PDB file of N, CA and C in Angstrom:
ATOM      1  N   MET A   1      -4.511 -58.575 -47.774  1.00  0.00           N
ATOM      2  CA  MET A   1      -3.748 -57.303 -48.115  1.00  0.00           C
ATOM      3  C   MET A   1      -2.258 -57.977 -46.786  1.00  0.00           C
ATOM      4  N   THR A   2      -1.098 -58.593 -47.380  1.00  0.00           N
ATOM      5  CA  THR A   2      -0.441 -58.393 -45.850  1.00  0.00           C
ATOM      6  C   THR A   2       0.535 -57.451 -45.231  1.00  0.00           C
ATOM      7  N   ASP A   3       0.820 -56.578 -44.372  1.00  0.00           N
ATOM      8  CA  ASP A   3       1.850 -55.745 -43.652  1.00  0.00           C
ATOM      9  C   ASP A   3       3.247 -56.145 -43.329  1.00  0.00           C
ATOM     10  N   LYS A   4       3.532 -56.264 -43.760  1.00  0.00           N
ATOM     11  CA  LYS A   4       5.698 -56.642 -43.641  1.00  0.00           C
ATOM     12  C   LYS A   4       5.355 -56.032 -42.638  1.00  0.00           C
ATOM     13  N   THR A   5       6.046 -56.427 -41.355  1.00  0.00           N
ATOM     14  CA  THR A   5       6.756 -55.642 -39.785  1.00  0.00           C
ATOM     15  C   THR A   5       8.308 -56.962 -39.772  1.00  0.00           C
ATOM     16  N   VAL A   6       8.647 -55.779 -38.914  1.00  0.00           N
ATOM     17  CA  VAL A   6       9.838 -55.937 -38.815  1.00  0.00           C
ATOM     18  C   VAL A   6       9.805 -56.234 -36.951  1.00  0.00           C
ATOM     19  N   THR A   7      10.645 -57.355 -36.297  1.00  0.00           N
ATOM     20  CA  THR A   7      10.848 -57.426 -34.914  1.00  0.00           C
ATOM     21  C   THR A   7      12.396 -56.599 -34.041  1.00  0.00           C
ATOM     22  N   VAL A   8      11.700 -55.976 -33.098  1.00  0.00           N
ATOM     23  CA  VAL A   8      13.505 -55.105 -33.042  1.00  0.00           C
ATOM     24  C   VAL A   8      13.281 -55.594 -31.690  1.00  0.00           C
ATOM     25  N   VAL A   9      14.754 -55.919 -31.141  1.00  0.00           N
ATOM     26  CA  VAL A   9      14.795 -55.733 -29.465  1.00  0.00           C
ATOM     27  C   VAL A   9      16.020 -55.264 -29.190  1.00  0.00           C
ATOM     28  N   GLN A  10      15.799 -54.595 -28.124  1.00  0.00           N
ATOM     29  CA  GLN A  10      16.941 -53.682 -27.381  1.00  0.00           C
ATOM     30  C   GLN A  10      17.456 -54.532 -26.948  1.00  0.00           C
ATOM     31  N   THR A  11      19.095 -54.281 -26.980  1.00  0.00           N
ATOM     32  CA  THR A  11      19.963 -55.512 -26.609  1.00  0.00           C
ATOM     33  C   THR A  11      20.934 -54.283 -25.785  1.00  0.00           C
ATOM     34  N   LYS A  12      20.955 -53.162 -25.367  1.00  0.00           N
ATOM     35  CA  LYS A  12      21.992 -52.420 -25.229  1.00  0.00           C
ATOM     36  C   LYS A  12      21.723 -51.005 -24.510  1.00  0.00           C
ATOM     37  N   SER A  13      22.233 -50.129 -23.638  1.00  0.00           N
ATOM     38  CA  SER A  13      21.695 -49.578 -23.060  1.00  0.00           C
ATOM     39  C   SER A  13      22.006 -48.194 -24.255  1.00  0.00           C
ATOM     40  N   PRO A  14      20.781 -46.791 -23.723  1.00  0.00           N
ATOM     41  CA  PRO A  14      21.181 -45.949 -24.305  1.00  0.00           C
ATOM     42  C   PRO A  14      21.782 -44.411 -23.209  1.00  0.00           C
ATOM     43  N   ILE A  15      21.808 -45.104 -22.182  1.00  0.00           N
ATOM     44  CA  ILE A  15      23.224 -43.839 -21.384  1.00  0.00           C
ATOM     45  C   ILE A  15      24.208 -44.165 -21.920  1.00  0.00           C
ATOM     46  N   GLY A  16      24.049 -42.424 -21.702  1.00  0.00           N
ATOM     47  CA  GLY A  16      26.142 -42.426 -22.409  1.00  0.00           C
ATOM     48  C   GLY A  16      25.774 -42.340 -24.350  1.00  0.00           C
ATOM     49  N   ARG A  17      24.530 -41.497 -24.496  1.00  0.00           N
ATOM     50  CA  ARG A  17      24.348 -41.953 -26.251  1.00  0.00           C
ATOM     51  C   ARG A  17      23.936 -40.247 -26.169  1.00  0.00           C
ATOM     52  N   PRO A  18      23.684 -40.063 -27.235  1.00  0.00           N
ATOM     53  CA  PRO A  18      23.349 -38.440 -27.460  1.00  0.00           C
ATOM     54  C   PRO A  18      21.647 -39.092 -27.548  1.00  0.00           C
ATOM     55  N   GLY A  19      21.304 -37.028 -27.567  1.00  0.00           N
ATOM     56  CA  GLY A  19      20.041 -37.740 -26.581  1.00  0.00           C
ATOM     57  C   GLY A  19      18.933 -37.709 -27.962  1.00  0.00           C
ATOM     58  N   ASP A  20      19.293 -37.594 -29.112  1.00  0.00           N
ATOM     59  CA  ASP A  20      19.230 -38.468 -30.832  1.00  0.00           C
ATOM     60  C   ASP A  20      18.406 -39.378 -30.582  1.00  0.00           C
ATOM     61  N   GLN A  21      19.899 -40.371 -30.471  1.00  0.00           N
ATOM     62  CA  GLN A  21      19.957 -41.803 -30.787  1.00  0.00           C
ATOM     63  C   GLN A  21      18.748 -42.091 -29.094  1.00  0.00           C
ATOM     64  N   ARG A  22      19.062 -42.101 -28.027  1.00  0.00           N
ATOM     65  CA  ARG A  22      17.587 -42.150 -27.273  1.00  0.00           C
ATOM     66  C   ARG A  22      16.166 -41.219 -27.676  1.00  0.00           C
ATOM     67  N   GLN A  23      16.182 -40.430 -28.171  1.00  0.00           N
ATOM     68  CA  GLN A  23      14.571 -40.259 -29.009  1.00  0.00           C
ATOM     69  C   GLN A  23      14.262 -41.318 -29.550  1.00  0.00           C
ATOM     70  N   THR A  24      15.395 -41.760 -30.497  1.00  0.00           N
ATOM     71  CA  THR A  24      15.216 -42.382 -31.552  1.00  0.00           C
ATOM     72  C   THR A  24      14.726 -43.839 -30.671  1.00  0.00           C
ATOM     73  N   LEU A  25      15.122 -44.256 -29.892  1.00  0.00           N
ATOM     74  CA  LEU A  25      14.505 -45.480 -29.277  1.00  0.00           C
ATOM     75  C   LEU A  25      13.055 -45.274 -28.679  1.00  0.00           C
ATOM     76  N   ILE A  26      13.005 -44.748 -27.910  1.00  0.00           N
ATOM     77  CA  ILE A  26      11.403 -43.517 -27.644  1.00  0.00           C
ATOM     78  C   ILE A  26      10.457 -44.525 -29.084  1.00  0.00           C
ATOM     79  N   GLY A  27      10.855 -43.130 -30.262  1.00  0.00           N
ATOM     80  CA  GLY A  27      10.237 -43.824 -31.180  1.00  0.00           C
ATOM     81  C   GLY A  27       9.684 -45.215 -32.167  1.00  0.00           C
ATOM     82  N   LEU A  28      11.039 -45.867 -31.500  1.00  0.00           N
ATOM     83  CA  LEU A  28      10.412 -47.292 -31.862  1.00  0.00           C
ATOM     84  C   LEU A  28       9.814 -48.326 -31.099  1.00  0.00           C
ATOM     85  N   LYS A  29       9.578 -47.570 -29.741  1.00  0.00           N
ATOM     86  CA  LYS A  29       8.465 -48.098 -28.827  1.00  0.00           C
ATOM     87  C   LYS A  29       9.695 -49.288 -27.796  1.00  0.00           C
ATOM     88  N   LEU A  30      10.456 -48.619 -27.602  1.00  0.00           N
ATOM     89  CA  LEU A  30      11.975 -48.832 -26.956  1.00  0.00           C
ATOM     90  C   LEU A  30      12.059 -48.179 -25.978  1.00  0.00           C
ATOM     91  N   ASN A  31      12.726 -48.834 -24.507  1.00  0.00           N
ATOM     92  CA  ASN A  31      13.288 -48.052 -23.466  1.00  0.00           C
ATOM     93  C   ASN A  31      14.289 -48.602 -23.131  1.00  0.00           C
ATOM     94  N   LYS A  32      13.951 -49.785 -22.944  1.00  0.00           N
ATOM     95  CA  LYS A  32      14.701 -51.194 -21.580  1.00  0.00           C
ATOM     96  C   LYS A  32      15.730 -51.474 -22.227  1.00  0.00           C
ATOM     97  N   ILE A  33      16.886 -52.969 -22.092  1.00  0.00           N
ATOM     98  CA  ILE A  33      16.919 -53.635 -22.645  1.00  0.00           C
ATOM     99  C   ILE A  33      15.651 -55.284 -22.277  1.00  0.00           C
ATOM    100  N   GLY A  34      16.015 -55.522 -23.617  1.00  0.00           N
ATOM    101  CA  GLY A  34      14.843 -56.636 -23.293  1.00  0.00           C
ATOM    102  C   GLY A  34      13.974 -56.170 -23.685  1.00  0.00           C
ATOM    103  N   ARG A  35      13.012 -55.471 -24.911  1.00  0.00           N
ATOM    104  CA  ARG A  35      12.501 -55.062 -24.394  1.00  0.00           C
ATOM    105  C   ARG A  35      11.992 -55.313 -26.429  1.00  0.00           C
ATOM    106  N   LYS A  36      10.897 -55.766 -26.735  1.00  0.00           N
ATOM    107  CA  LYS A  36      10.583 -55.974 -28.600  1.00  0.00           C
ATOM    108  C   LYS A  36       9.485 -55.202 -28.275  1.00  0.00           C
ATOM    109  N   ALA A  37       9.514 -54.914 -30.154  1.00  0.00           N
ATOM    110  CA  ALA A  37       8.720 -53.937 -30.839  1.00  0.00           C
ATOM    111  C   ALA A  37       8.634 -54.823 -32.193  1.00  0.00           C
ATOM    112  N   VAL A  38       7.248 -54.514 -32.666  1.00  0.00           N
ATOM    113  CA  VAL A  38       7.345 -55.202 -33.954  1.00  0.00           C
ATOM    114  C   VAL A  38       6.269 -54.061 -34.366  1.00  0.00           C
ATOM    115  N   LEU A  39       7.424 -54.082 -35.407  1.00  0.00           N
ATOM    116  CA  LEU A  39       7.203 -52.436 -36.316  1.00  0.00           C
ATOM    117  C   LEU A  39       6.417 -52.298 -37.800  1.00  0.00           C
ATOM    118  N   LYS A  40       5.429 -51.042 -38.652  1.00  0.00           N
ATOM    119  CA  LYS A  40       5.754 -51.932 -39.709  1.00  0.00           C
ATOM    120  C   LYS A  40       7.221 -51.494 -40.419  1.00  0.00           C
ATOM    121  N   ASP A  41       7.157 -52.509 -41.826  1.00  0.00           N
ATOM    122  CA  ASP A  41       8.038 -52.393 -42.542  1.00  0.00           C
ATOM    123  C   ASP A  41       7.755 -51.412 -43.581  1.00  0.00           C
ATOM    124  N   THR A  42       8.753 -49.981 -42.996  1.00  0.00           N
ATOM    125  CA  THR A  42       8.548 -48.361 -43.885  1.00  0.00           C
ATOM    126  C   THR A  42      10.073 -47.982 -43.966  1.00  0.00           C
ATOM    127  N   PRO A  43      10.039 -47.720 -44.868  1.00  0.00           N
ATOM    128  CA  PRO A  43      11.199 -46.931 -44.908  1.00  0.00           C
ATOM    129  C   PRO A  43      11.556 -45.573 -43.826  1.00  0.00           C
ATOM    130  N   SER A  44      10.636 -45.205 -43.367  1.00  0.00           N
ATOM    131  CA  SER A  44      11.215 -44.320 -42.127  1.00  0.00           C
ATOM    132  C   SER A  44      11.500 -45.167 -40.814  1.00  0.00           C
ATOM    133  N   VAL A  45      10.720 -46.513 -40.564  1.00  0.00           N
ATOM    134  CA  VAL A  45      11.325 -47.219 -39.894  1.00  0.00           C
ATOM    135  C   VAL A  45      12.917 -47.457 -39.861  1.00  0.00           C
ATOM    136  N   ARG A  46      12.677 -47.732 -41.126  1.00  0.00           N
ATOM    137  CA  ARG A  46      14.194 -48.572 -41.672  1.00  0.00           C
ATOM    138  C   ARG A  46      15.456 -47.572 -41.296  1.00  0.00           C
ATOM    139  N   GLY A  47      14.790 -46.334 -40.795  1.00  0.00           N
ATOM    140  CA  GLY A  47      15.753 -45.585 -41.248  1.00  0.00           C
ATOM    141  C   GLY A  47      16.432 -45.177 -39.384  1.00  0.00           C
ATOM    142  N   GLN A  48      15.174 -45.010 -38.921  1.00  0.00           N
ATOM    143  CA  GLN A  48      15.055 -44.946 -37.558  1.00  0.00           C
ATOM    144  C   GLN A  48      16.143 -46.634 -37.167  1.00  0.00           C
ATOM    145  N   ILE A  49      16.250 -47.469 -37.567  1.00  0.00           N
ATOM    146  CA  ILE A  49      17.139 -48.749 -36.663  1.00  0.00           C
ATOM    147  C   ILE A  49      17.993 -48.215 -37.263  1.00  0.00           C
ATOM    148  N   ALA A  50      18.620 -48.375 -38.713  1.00  0.00           N
ATOM    149  CA  ALA A  50      19.822 -48.379 -39.088  1.00  0.00           C
ATOM    150  C   ALA A  50      20.342 -46.532 -38.010  1.00  0.00           C
ATOM    151  N   LYS A  51      19.888 -45.728 -37.242  1.00  0.00           N
ATOM    152  CA  LYS A  51      20.250 -44.812 -36.692  1.00  0.00           C
ATOM    153  C   LYS A  51      20.997 -45.491 -35.119  1.00  0.00           C
ATOM    154  N   VAL A  52      19.863 -46.937 -35.041  1.00  0.00           N
ATOM    155  CA  VAL A  52      20.674 -46.666 -33.641  1.00  0.00           C
ATOM    156  C   VAL A  52      20.628 -48.585 -33.354  1.00  0.00           C
ATOM    157  N   ALA A  53      21.050 -49.235 -34.639  1.00  0.00           N
ATOM    158  CA  ALA A  53      21.714 -50.694 -35.144  1.00  0.00           C
ATOM    159  C   ALA A  53      22.108 -51.246 -34.513  1.00  0.00           C
ATOM    160  N   HIS A  54      23.264 -50.020 -33.722  1.00  0.00           N
ATOM    161  CA  HIS A  54      24.519 -50.746 -32.756  1.00  0.00           C
ATOM    162  C   HIS A  54      23.381 -50.923 -31.064  1.00  0.00           C
ATOM    163  N   LEU A  55      22.572 -50.093 -31.125  1.00  0.00           N
ATOM    164  CA  LEU A  55      21.859 -51.156 -29.450  1.00  0.00           C
ATOM    165  C   LEU A  55      20.459 -52.164 -29.883  1.00  0.00           C
ATOM    166  N   LEU A  56      20.374 -52.143 -31.110  1.00  0.00           N
ATOM    167  CA  LEU A  56      19.195 -53.263 -31.344  1.00  0.00           C
ATOM    168  C   LEU A  56      20.054 -53.946 -31.854  1.00  0.00           C
ATOM    169  N   ARG A  57      19.071 -55.554 -32.229  1.00  0.00           N
ATOM    170  CA  ARG A  57      18.722 -56.509 -32.691  1.00  0.00           C
ATOM    171  C   ARG A  57      17.788 -56.657 -33.970  1.00  0.00           C
ATOM    172  N   VAL A  58      17.905 -56.946 -35.040  1.00  0.00           N
ATOM    173  CA  VAL A  58      16.251 -57.073 -36.044  1.00  0.00           C
ATOM    174  C   VAL A  58      16.088 -58.026 -35.941  1.00  0.00           C
ATOM    175  N   GLU A  59      14.994 -58.750 -36.241  1.00  0.00           N
ATOM    176  CA  GLU A  59      14.357 -60.109 -36.574  1.00  0.00           C
ATOM    177  C   GLU A  59      13.492 -59.900 -37.043  1.00  0.00           C
ATOM    178  N   ASP A  60      13.410 -60.891 -38.710  1.00  0.00           N
ATOM    179  CA  ASP A  60      12.662 -60.679 -39.365  1.00  0.00           C
ATOM    180  C   ASP A  60      11.558 -61.473 -39.760  1.00  0.00           C
TER     181      ASP A  60
END
């Protein structure tokens, strides 16, 4: 059984962004520029990625 994953890399800072976007980054296990996280590819994770897509780079 293979679980699909998605890799996200934070490319921009959350400084000056709304608090909910900061919390979304923390939920994605990101909080500093350059950090990478490998996450399960689920609809909830995709929704979080879409919310802060302007701060991330997605690598499939």
